[in-house]
C-alpha cells in the first residue's frame, strides 16, 4: 500500500519540542501538573518560588527542567506517595538547572531530593538540603556542577549528601557539599570519578563520616578540592578508596592539588584498600593523623601548619604570603586525557575562581596568583550567610572539563608549560 504524500511528510518530520511555563497564576501552577504531559525533548520553565507538597515522576527523555528568576524550591510533603523522592527521574538525558529540593523522608529512611533511575543526568546550579539523601542513584553519566548539598542524611550513616550508584562516570565540579548528617559528603560507586574544584567538609561542627567515599574504587581524579573534617566527625578518615572491595575495573586514585584539613586531632587523611594504587601529588595536609594508609606514589606533598594559612580558625585556607607551599609544587601531566592541574579554585564566601599559575604551581587547592571570580551569587543566599558564586557559563570555558569529563584544550589557558594537555 502506498502512503499519501501528506502522511509521508508527517512520518518524516519529527514533532517540535514544546516549552511549558509553570508557576502561580499560570495554566499549570506546579511542576507536577505537567510531568505527565511533556514529551521527549521538551523544556519546563518553572517560576522561582516555593512549591509545597511537590512529588513527580519524569519518564520522558531529553528534558530540560529549569528554575527561572531564581530557584524553584520543591518542598516534600509529609508523606511521599512514590516512597522514593520528591522527583523520580526515569527518563534519559535529563538536565536540571536552578532547582531546590528539601524535606524528603520516606519509611525506608532513604528519601531523596532526586532518585535518578534513567541514563545520563546533568545537574546545574541547584540546591539539595535537609533530605534523607540529596541525590540517590544514577546510570550512564552523572554530572553535577555549581551546586550545593547541605544537611542531608537521616542520621543512620546509610544516607548521604549525595549517593551515586555504579554508573559509568560521575563528575562533580565547583560545588559545595557540607554538614551531611552522619553520612558522607560525597559517595560514589562510579567506574570513573572526576571530582575537581569543590569545597567538601564538615566545617565547625558537622558530623559527617567520610568526606569522599569511593567504596568500589574506580579510575578517579580528585583534584583542586578543599576537604575537611570537624572535631565532631563520625569517622576519622577524610578520603577512602575501595574499602568495600575494588570491584570496579579501575583501581587507581589520583589525588592532586588538594588541601586536606583534619580538625579532629587524629585519624587518617587518605586510606587506600589493599590492591589499589594511588598517585598523590602537590597536596597540602593540615592537622594531626596518618597521611597515607595504603600504597601510593607521592611527590611534593606538604604537612602544613597554621602559619601556612591565612586564617585557619576563620576558614580561610588560602596560603599565607610566607607559606613554604608557594611555588613548591611540580608540574603534573594529563591523566587519560584529564587535566590534573585544576582550571579553578573554590573560595568559601566567594565560590569558584580561575586558577592560574606562574612558573611552578603552589601546593594545595589555592594558587596565590589567582583572584578572578567566574560566577554570580546563588539566588537563595543573602549577605547574612557565607555566600558562594557559581559560573553562569557552566563548564564551557576552553581548557576546562567538558560534559563527558575530559579536558577541552585551549592555547589561551596554557600558562604553565606542560601543565595541561
Foldseek 3Di string as FASTA:
>chain_A
DDDDPVVVVVVVDDDDAEEAEEDPPDPHHDPQVCLVPGAAQHEYEYEADEDEQAAHERQHANYEYEYPPAEHEYEHDPEHVVQAESYEYAYEHYEYYRYEYEDFQGPVLAYENYEYNHADYEYELYEAEHAQADYHEYAAEYEYENYEFEQHRSQPQPHESHAYEAYAEYEYYQYEFEQHRQYESEEYQYQEYHAAAYEFEHPAAGAYAESYHHQQAHHYAHALYEWEYYLNYPYQEHHEGNNNHNPHPAQEYEAAQAEYEYRNQEHEDYEGDPPHEYEHFLAEYEHDYHDYHYHYHYDQYYDDYPQQADHVSVVGRHGDPPHPQALRGAADAADPQAFRHAQWHQGWLETIWGAADAEGAGRHNHGPVTDGGQFAWHPVDDPVDTIYGGHPVTQPDQQHQDSVRGHRHDPVRPNYPRNHD
